N, C-alpha and C. Protein backbone atom coordinates (compact mmCIF):
# COMPACT_ATOMS: atom_id res chain seq x y z
N MET A 1 3.25 17.82 4.38
CA MET A 1 2.57 16.53 4.42
C MET A 1 3.63 15.43 4.44
N ASN A 2 3.36 14.38 5.18
CA ASN A 2 4.29 13.26 5.28
C ASN A 2 4.16 12.31 4.09
N THR A 3 5.23 11.58 3.84
CA THR A 3 5.25 10.57 2.81
C THR A 3 5.54 9.23 3.47
N PHE A 4 4.78 8.20 3.10
CA PHE A 4 4.95 6.87 3.65
C PHE A 4 5.10 5.87 2.51
N PHE A 5 5.85 4.80 2.75
CA PHE A 5 6.06 3.77 1.75
C PHE A 5 5.53 2.45 2.28
N TYR A 6 4.86 1.71 1.40
CA TYR A 6 4.21 0.45 1.77
C TYR A 6 4.52 -0.63 0.75
N GLU A 7 4.36 -1.87 1.18
CA GLU A 7 4.39 -3.03 0.30
C GLU A 7 3.04 -3.73 0.42
N VAL A 8 2.47 -4.14 -0.71
CA VAL A 8 1.21 -4.88 -0.68
C VAL A 8 1.53 -6.31 -0.29
N VAL A 9 1.07 -6.72 0.90
CA VAL A 9 1.36 -8.05 1.41
C VAL A 9 0.36 -9.06 0.86
N SER A 10 -0.92 -8.69 0.85
CA SER A 10 -1.94 -9.59 0.33
C SER A 10 -3.15 -8.78 -0.13
N ILE A 11 -3.90 -9.39 -1.03
CA ILE A 11 -5.15 -8.80 -1.53
C ILE A 11 -6.25 -9.79 -1.22
N ASP A 12 -7.29 -9.30 -0.54
CA ASP A 12 -8.40 -10.15 -0.13
C ASP A 12 -9.71 -9.48 -0.52
N GLY A 13 -10.21 -9.81 -1.70
CA GLY A 13 -11.47 -9.22 -2.16
C GLY A 13 -11.34 -7.72 -2.38
N ASP A 14 -12.13 -6.96 -1.64
CA ASP A 14 -12.15 -5.50 -1.79
C ASP A 14 -11.12 -4.78 -0.92
N TYR A 15 -10.24 -5.53 -0.27
CA TYR A 15 -9.27 -4.94 0.64
C TYR A 15 -7.87 -5.45 0.35
N ALA A 16 -6.88 -4.66 0.76
CA ALA A 16 -5.48 -5.06 0.64
C ALA A 16 -4.80 -4.81 1.97
N ASN A 17 -3.89 -5.69 2.33
CA ASN A 17 -3.08 -5.54 3.53
C ASN A 17 -1.74 -4.93 3.13
N LEU A 18 -1.41 -3.80 3.75
CA LEU A 18 -0.17 -3.09 3.44
C LEU A 18 0.74 -3.10 4.65
N ARG A 19 2.06 -3.20 4.39
CA ARG A 19 3.06 -3.13 5.45
C ARG A 19 3.98 -1.95 5.15
N ARG A 20 4.21 -1.12 6.17
CA ARG A 20 5.12 0.01 5.99
C ARG A 20 6.53 -0.49 5.76
N THR A 21 7.23 0.12 4.84
CA THR A 21 8.60 -0.28 4.55
C THR A 21 9.60 0.81 4.91
N ASP A 22 9.13 2.01 5.22
CA ASP A 22 10.05 3.09 5.56
C ASP A 22 10.42 3.09 7.04
N ILE A 23 9.77 2.24 7.84
CA ILE A 23 10.11 2.05 9.25
C ILE A 23 10.03 0.57 9.58
N GLU A 24 10.61 0.16 10.70
CA GLU A 24 10.50 -1.23 11.16
C GLU A 24 9.10 -1.43 11.73
N SER A 25 8.29 -2.28 11.09
CA SER A 25 6.94 -2.53 11.58
C SER A 25 6.44 -3.86 11.05
N ASP A 26 5.82 -4.63 11.94
CA ASP A 26 5.19 -5.88 11.53
C ASP A 26 3.68 -5.73 11.40
N GLU A 27 3.16 -4.55 11.75
CA GLU A 27 1.73 -4.31 11.68
C GLU A 27 1.29 -4.14 10.22
N LEU A 28 0.09 -4.65 9.94
CA LEU A 28 -0.49 -4.50 8.61
C LEU A 28 -1.60 -3.47 8.66
N LYS A 29 -1.73 -2.73 7.58
CA LYS A 29 -2.79 -1.73 7.46
C LYS A 29 -3.78 -2.24 6.43
N LEU A 30 -5.04 -2.36 6.81
CA LEU A 30 -6.09 -2.81 5.91
C LEU A 30 -6.67 -1.60 5.18
N VAL A 31 -6.59 -1.62 3.85
CA VAL A 31 -7.02 -0.48 3.03
C VAL A 31 -8.00 -0.97 1.97
N ALA A 32 -9.09 -0.25 1.77
CA ALA A 32 -10.04 -0.58 0.73
C ALA A 32 -9.38 -0.41 -0.64
N ARG A 33 -9.58 -1.38 -1.51
CA ARG A 33 -8.95 -1.32 -2.84
C ARG A 33 -9.44 -0.15 -3.67
N ALA A 34 -10.61 0.38 -3.34
CA ALA A 34 -11.12 1.55 -4.06
C ALA A 34 -10.21 2.77 -3.85
N LEU A 35 -9.43 2.78 -2.78
CA LEU A 35 -8.51 3.88 -2.50
C LEU A 35 -7.13 3.68 -3.13
N LEU A 36 -6.89 2.49 -3.67
CA LEU A 36 -5.58 2.13 -4.22
C LEU A 36 -5.61 2.14 -5.74
N PRO A 37 -4.46 2.28 -6.38
CA PRO A 37 -4.42 2.20 -7.84
C PRO A 37 -4.92 0.84 -8.31
N PRO A 38 -5.65 0.77 -9.41
CA PRO A 38 -6.24 -0.49 -9.86
C PRO A 38 -5.22 -1.54 -10.27
N GLU A 39 -4.00 -1.15 -10.60
CA GLU A 39 -3.00 -2.11 -11.11
C GLU A 39 -2.17 -2.76 -10.01
N ILE A 40 -2.53 -2.60 -8.74
CA ILE A 40 -1.72 -3.19 -7.68
C ILE A 40 -1.74 -4.71 -7.74
N THR A 41 -0.63 -5.30 -7.33
CA THR A 41 -0.51 -6.75 -7.20
C THR A 41 0.23 -7.02 -5.89
N GLU A 42 0.15 -8.25 -5.42
CA GLU A 42 0.87 -8.60 -4.20
C GLU A 42 2.37 -8.42 -4.45
N GLY A 43 3.03 -7.79 -3.51
CA GLY A 43 4.46 -7.56 -3.62
C GLY A 43 4.84 -6.21 -4.19
N CYS A 44 3.91 -5.48 -4.80
CA CYS A 44 4.28 -4.18 -5.36
C CYS A 44 4.44 -3.16 -4.25
N ARG A 45 5.21 -2.13 -4.55
CA ARG A 45 5.49 -1.08 -3.58
C ARG A 45 4.66 0.15 -3.90
N LEU A 46 4.21 0.83 -2.83
CA LEU A 46 3.38 2.01 -2.98
C LEU A 46 3.96 3.18 -2.21
N LYS A 47 3.69 4.37 -2.72
CA LYS A 47 4.02 5.60 -2.00
C LYS A 47 2.70 6.28 -1.65
N TYR A 48 2.57 6.70 -0.38
CA TYR A 48 1.37 7.41 0.07
C TYR A 48 1.78 8.84 0.39
N GLU A 49 1.17 9.78 -0.34
CA GLU A 49 1.50 11.19 -0.16
C GLU A 49 0.29 12.01 -0.58
N TRP A 50 -0.02 13.04 0.18
CA TRP A 50 -1.15 13.92 -0.11
C TRP A 50 -2.45 13.13 -0.26
N MET A 51 -2.64 12.14 0.61
CA MET A 51 -3.86 11.33 0.67
C MET A 51 -4.09 10.52 -0.61
N GLN A 52 -3.01 10.17 -1.31
CA GLN A 52 -3.10 9.35 -2.53
C GLN A 52 -2.01 8.30 -2.52
N TYR A 53 -2.35 7.11 -3.04
CA TYR A 53 -1.38 6.03 -3.20
C TYR A 53 -0.90 6.00 -4.65
N GLU A 54 0.40 5.77 -4.83
CA GLU A 54 1.00 5.69 -6.16
C GLU A 54 1.89 4.44 -6.23
N VAL A 55 1.78 3.69 -7.32
CA VAL A 55 2.61 2.49 -7.51
C VAL A 55 4.02 2.94 -7.87
N LEU A 56 5.02 2.39 -7.16
CA LEU A 56 6.42 2.72 -7.45
C LEU A 56 7.02 1.77 -8.48
N ASP A 57 6.60 0.50 -8.46
CA ASP A 57 7.09 -0.47 -9.44
C ASP A 57 5.96 -1.44 -9.74
N LYS A 58 6.07 -2.10 -10.88
CA LYS A 58 5.01 -3.03 -11.28
C LYS A 58 5.55 -4.41 -11.39
């Protein structure tokens, strides 16, 4: 299974915009907050692995 790293760019209601940080990309990924850890904040980094998001720093 692949591992991806993201940064939370913005939080808008029930959704968050994520930007990949492990590759060069300006595209944002819109993800439902129900799929993300509840403690996310704008600017925090996430690891996506095995269909789960994990906060790397707070």
